């Protein structure tokens, strides 16, 4: 997994006089991960169990398929449900969306800003759905009951 975080790499690139030197010094940090690999990395880094994340995500067995890499194009809402269940920061959720090949959260979008708020405040998927519904926006996972 990466030895330097993205911010460190961005700072080093900004200060570098030669891309070749920058690349040679950071080559091991350029590995691109699959979504399943990044999810496994997060589980390990946060010391959380996959079964707990699946339960909190409210995705059921579908979440296991995402973790196993069997769902190649999961919906953005499903990935964000996993992010909430893992209690990711907004930055970590943005990386998760990147590895899923999905659009990052955008603060000027009302739906996205509510999800960002939910991430920042460690809301559950159910609470995030209720907040979205209170603004007459589509919840992460269908109807809120």
C-alpha atoms as a PDB file:
ATOM      1  CA  UNK A   1       0.000   0.000   0.000  1.00  0.00           C
ATOM      2  CA  UNK A   2       1.091   3.620  -0.389  1.00  0.00           C
ATOM      3  CA  UNK A   3       3.884   4.791   1.862  1.00  0.00           C
ATOM      4  CA  UNK A   4       3.035   8.463   1.415  1.00  0.00           C
ATOM      5  CA  UNK A   5      -0.401   9.972   1.385  1.00  0.00           C
ATOM      6  CA  UNK A   6      -1.684  11.965  -1.554  1.00  0.00           C
ATOM      7  CA  UNK A   7      -1.095  15.316   0.119  1.00  0.00           C
ATOM      8  CA  UNK A   8       2.564  14.479   0.743  1.00  0.00           C
ATOM      9  CA  UNK A   9       3.002  13.503  -2.902  1.00  0.00           C
ATOM     10  CA  UNK A  10       1.278  16.673  -4.103  1.00  0.00           C
ATOM     11  CA  UNK A  11       3.569  18.808  -1.940  1.00  0.00           C
ATOM     12  CA  UNK A  12       6.686  16.994  -3.155  1.00  0.00           C
ATOM     13  CA  UNK A  13       5.598  17.365  -6.787  1.00  0.00           C
ATOM     14  CA  UNK A  14       5.005  21.098  -6.305  1.00  0.00           C
ATOM     15  CA  UNK A  15       8.512  21.506  -4.886  1.00  0.00           C
ATOM     16  CA  UNK A  16      10.248  19.231  -7.396  1.00  0.00           C
ATOM     17  CA  UNK A  17      12.409  20.686 -10.152  1.00  0.00           C
ATOM     18  CA  UNK A  18      12.428  17.457 -12.160  1.00  0.00           C
ATOM     19  CA  UNK A  19       9.573  15.034 -12.696  1.00  0.00           C
ATOM     20  CA  UNK A  20      12.083  12.267 -13.310  1.00  0.00           C
ATOM     21  CA  UNK A  21      13.621  12.798  -9.852  1.00  0.00           C
ATOM     22  CA  UNK A  22      10.169  13.021  -8.271  1.00  0.00           C
ATOM     23  CA  UNK A  23       9.061   9.826  -9.996  1.00  0.00           C
ATOM     24  CA  UNK A  24      12.226   7.908  -9.114  1.00  0.00           C
ATOM     25  CA  UNK A  25      11.911   8.894  -5.455  1.00  0.00           C
ATOM     26  CA  UNK A  26       8.226   7.953  -5.323  1.00  0.00           C
ATOM     27  CA  UNK A  27       7.794   5.120  -7.790  1.00  0.00           C
ATOM     28  CA  UNK A  28       6.388   2.729  -5.156  1.00  0.00           C
ATOM     29  CA  UNK A  29       3.622   5.249  -4.451  1.00  0.00           C
ATOM     30  CA  UNK A  30       2.251   5.145  -8.003  1.00  0.00           C
ATOM     31  CA  UNK A  31       0.604   1.747  -7.752  1.00  0.00           C
ATOM     32  CA  UNK A  32      -3.059   2.005  -8.647  1.00  0.00           C
ATOM     33  CA  UNK A  33      -5.339  -0.213  -6.606  1.00  0.00           C
ATOM     34  CA  UNK A  34      -8.557  -1.937  -7.474  1.00  0.00           C
ATOM     35  CA  UNK A  35     -11.603  -0.995  -5.451  1.00  0.00           C
ATOM     36  CA  UNK A  36     -11.443  -4.339  -3.619  1.00  0.00           C
ATOM     37  CA  UNK A  37      -7.765  -3.797  -2.746  1.00  0.00           C
ATOM     38  CA  UNK A  38      -8.442  -0.304  -1.434  1.00  0.00           C
ATOM     39  CA  UNK A  39     -11.377  -1.541   0.665  1.00  0.00           C
ATOM     40  CA  UNK A  40      -9.149  -4.244   2.166  1.00  0.00           C
ATOM     41  CA  UNK A  41      -6.506  -1.596   2.864  1.00  0.00           C
ATOM     42  CA  UNK A  42      -9.082   0.561   4.685  1.00  0.00           C
ATOM     43  CA  UNK A  43     -10.308  -2.392   6.752  1.00  0.00           C
ATOM     44  CA  UNK A  44      -6.746  -3.086   7.819  1.00  0.00           C
ATOM     45  CA  UNK A  45      -5.834   0.565   8.468  1.00  0.00           C
ATOM     46  CA  UNK A  46      -8.959   1.207  10.528  1.00  0.00           C
ATOM     47  CA  UNK A  47      -8.887  -2.207  12.182  1.00  0.00           C
ATOM     48  CA  UNK A  48     -12.543  -2.887  11.424  1.00  0.00           C
ATOM     49  CA  UNK A  49     -14.318  -6.066  10.409  1.00  0.00           C
ATOM     50  CA  UNK A  50     -15.857  -6.489   6.989  1.00  0.00           C
ATOM     51  CA  UNK A  51     -18.961  -8.036   8.555  1.00  0.00           C
ATOM     52  CA  UNK A  52     -19.474  -4.914  10.698  1.00  0.00           C
ATOM     53  CA  UNK A  53     -19.145  -2.663   7.657  1.00  0.00           C
ATOM     54  CA  UNK A  54     -21.588  -4.798   5.665  1.00  0.00           C
ATOM     55  CA  UNK A  55     -24.133  -4.618   8.475  1.00  0.00           C
ATOM     56  CA  UNK A  56     -23.747  -0.853   8.975  1.00  0.00           C
ATOM     57  CA  UNK A  57     -23.852  -0.185   5.220  1.00  0.00           C
ATOM     58  CA  UNK A  58     -27.323  -1.751   4.948  1.00  0.00           C
ATOM     59  CA  UNK A  59     -26.256  -3.201   1.579  1.00  0.00           C
ATOM     60  CA  UNK A  60     -26.577  -6.845   2.610  1.00  0.00           C
ATOM     61  CA  UNK A  61     -24.787  -9.412   0.465  1.00  0.00           C
ATOM     62  CA  UNK A  62     -24.256  -6.824  -2.265  1.00  0.00           C
ATOM     63  CA  UNK A  63     -21.514  -5.293  -0.079  1.00  0.00           C
ATOM     64  CA  UNK A  64     -19.673  -8.624   0.022  1.00  0.00           C
ATOM     65  CA  UNK A  65     -19.687  -8.670  -3.789  1.00  0.00           C
ATOM     66  CA  UNK A  66     -18.152  -5.179  -3.837  1.00  0.00           C
ATOM     67  CA  UNK A  67     -15.465  -6.230  -1.336  1.00  0.00           C
ATOM     68  CA  UNK A  68     -14.692  -9.314  -3.420  1.00  0.00           C
ATOM     69  CA  UNK A  69     -14.391  -7.296  -6.619  1.00  0.00           C
ATOM     70  CA  UNK A  70     -17.323  -9.065  -8.272  1.00  0.00           C
ATOM     71  CA  UNK A  71     -19.285  -5.829  -8.741  1.00  0.00           C
ATOM     72  CA  UNK A  72     -17.286  -3.935 -11.336  1.00  0.00           C
ATOM     73  CA  UNK A  73     -19.443  -0.810 -11.492  1.00  0.00           C
ATOM     74  CA  UNK A  74     -21.206  -0.313  -8.173  1.00  0.00           C
ATOM     75  CA  UNK A  75     -23.446   2.732  -7.903  1.00  0.00           C
ATOM     76  CA  UNK A  76     -22.029   5.851  -6.272  1.00  0.00           C
ATOM     77  CA  UNK A  77     -24.685   5.678  -3.542  1.00  0.00           C
ATOM     78  CA  UNK A  78     -23.582   2.150  -2.615  1.00  0.00           C
ATOM     79  CA  UNK A  79     -19.933   3.186  -2.356  1.00  0.00           C
ATOM     80  CA  UNK A  80     -20.923   6.137  -0.190  1.00  0.00           C
ATOM     81  CA  UNK A  81     -22.961   3.807   2.021  1.00  0.00           C
ATOM     82  CA  UNK A  82     -19.786   1.795   2.557  1.00  0.00           C
ATOM     83  CA  UNK A  83     -17.883   5.015   3.289  1.00  0.00           C
ATOM     84  CA  UNK A  84     -20.425   5.970   5.961  1.00  0.00           C
ATOM     85  CA  UNK A  85     -20.376   2.464   7.412  1.00  0.00           C
ATOM     86  CA  UNK A  86     -16.568   2.591   7.636  1.00  0.00           C
ATOM     87  CA  UNK A  87     -16.747   6.072   9.178  1.00  0.00           C
ATOM     88  CA  UNK A  88     -14.398   7.433   6.531  1.00  0.00           C
ATOM     89  CA  UNK A  89     -13.373  11.057   6.392  1.00  0.00           C
ATOM     90  CA  UNK A  90     -14.476  13.059   3.363  1.00  0.00           C
ATOM     91  CA  UNK A  91     -10.951  12.765   1.982  1.00  0.00           C
ATOM     92  CA  UNK A  92     -10.954   8.972   2.393  1.00  0.00           C
ATOM     93  CA  UNK A  93     -14.407   8.784   0.794  1.00  0.00           C
ATOM     94  CA  UNK A  94     -13.120  10.804  -2.175  1.00  0.00           C
ATOM     95  CA  UNK A  95     -10.317   8.232  -2.621  1.00  0.00           C
ATOM     96  CA  UNK A  96     -12.850   5.416  -2.361  1.00  0.00           C
ATOM     97  CA  UNK A  97     -14.941   7.032  -5.087  1.00  0.00           C
ATOM     98  CA  UNK A  98     -11.795   7.413  -7.218  1.00  0.00           C
ATOM     99  CA  UNK A  99     -10.942   3.712  -6.905  1.00  0.00           C
ATOM    100  CA  UNK A 100     -14.540   2.870  -7.778  1.00  0.00           C
ATOM    101  CA  UNK A 101     -14.232   5.015 -10.933  1.00  0.00           C
ATOM    102  CA  UNK A 102     -16.930   7.393  -9.736  1.00  0.00           C
ATOM    103  CA  UNK A 103     -17.383  11.146  -9.525  1.00  0.00           C
ATOM    104  CA  UNK A 104     -16.039  12.762  -6.373  1.00  0.00           C
ATOM    105  CA  UNK A 105     -18.277  14.606  -3.953  1.00  0.00           C
ATOM    106  CA  UNK A 106     -18.789  18.269  -4.834  1.00  0.00           C
ATOM    107  CA  UNK A 107     -19.601  20.737  -2.066  1.00  0.00           C
ATOM    108  CA  UNK A 108     -21.775  22.954  -4.317  1.00  0.00           C
ATOM    109  CA  UNK A 109     -24.120  20.042  -5.021  1.00  0.00           C
ATOM    110  CA  UNK A 110     -26.812  19.898  -2.325  1.00  0.00           C
ATOM    111  CA  UNK A 111     -27.010  16.080  -2.239  1.00  0.00           C
ATOM    112  CA  UNK A 112     -23.227  15.758  -2.136  1.00  0.00           C
ATOM    113  CA  UNK A 113     -22.877  18.398   0.590  1.00  0.00           C
ATOM    114  CA  UNK A 114     -25.337  16.512   2.797  1.00  0.00           C
ATOM    115  CA  UNK A 115     -23.344  13.308   2.306  1.00  0.00           C
ATOM    116  CA  UNK A 116     -20.160  15.230   3.124  1.00  0.00           C
ATOM    117  CA  UNK A 117     -21.837  16.506   6.292  1.00  0.00           C
ATOM    118  CA  UNK A 118     -22.863  12.946   7.160  1.00  0.00           C
ATOM    119  CA  UNK A 119     -19.281  11.745   6.694  1.00  0.00           C
ATOM    120  CA  UNK A 120     -17.828  14.601   8.751  1.00  0.00           C
ATOM    121  CA  UNK A 121     -20.290  13.907  11.558  1.00  0.00           C
ATOM    122  CA  UNK A 122     -20.025  10.100  11.390  1.00  0.00           C
ATOM    123  CA  UNK A 123     -23.741   9.669  10.724  1.00  0.00           C
ATOM    124  CA  UNK A 124     -25.118   6.208  10.034  1.00  0.00           C
ATOM    125  CA  UNK A 125     -26.492   5.324   6.622  1.00  0.00           C
ATOM    126  CA  UNK A 126     -30.013   5.493   8.069  1.00  0.00           C
ATOM    127  CA  UNK A 127     -29.399   8.963   9.565  1.00  0.00           C
ATOM    128  CA  UNK A 128     -27.872  10.186   6.311  1.00  0.00           C
ATOM    129  CA  UNK A 129     -30.928   8.878   4.436  1.00  0.00           C
ATOM    130  CA  UNK A 130     -33.254  10.685   6.841  1.00  0.00           C
ATOM    131  CA  UNK A 131     -31.312  13.930   6.400  1.00  0.00           C
ATOM    132  CA  UNK A 132     -31.407  13.609   2.607  1.00  0.00           C
ATOM    133  CA  UNK A 133     -35.147  12.879   2.711  1.00  0.00           C
ATOM    134  CA  UNK A 134     -35.772  15.877   4.976  1.00  0.00           C
ATOM    135  CA  UNK A 135     -34.472  18.036   2.116  1.00  0.00           C
ATOM    136  CA  UNK A 136     -36.631  16.117  -0.393  1.00  0.00           C
ATOM    137  CA  UNK A 137     -33.524  14.518  -1.923  1.00  0.00           C
ATOM    138  CA  UNK A 138     -33.073  10.914  -2.984  1.00  0.00           C
ATOM    139  CA  UNK A 139     -31.750   8.808  -0.112  1.00  0.00           C
ATOM    140  CA  UNK A 140     -28.658   6.638  -0.492  1.00  0.00           C
ATOM    141  CA  UNK A 141     -30.603   3.383  -0.426  1.00  0.00           C
ATOM    142  CA  UNK A 142     -34.131   3.734  -1.679  1.00  0.00           C
ATOM    143  CA  UNK A 143     -36.987   4.724   0.601  1.00  0.00           C
ATOM    144  CA  UNK A 144     -36.443   5.648   4.220  1.00  0.00           C
ATOM    145  CA  UNK A 145     -38.806   3.726   6.463  1.00  0.00           C
END
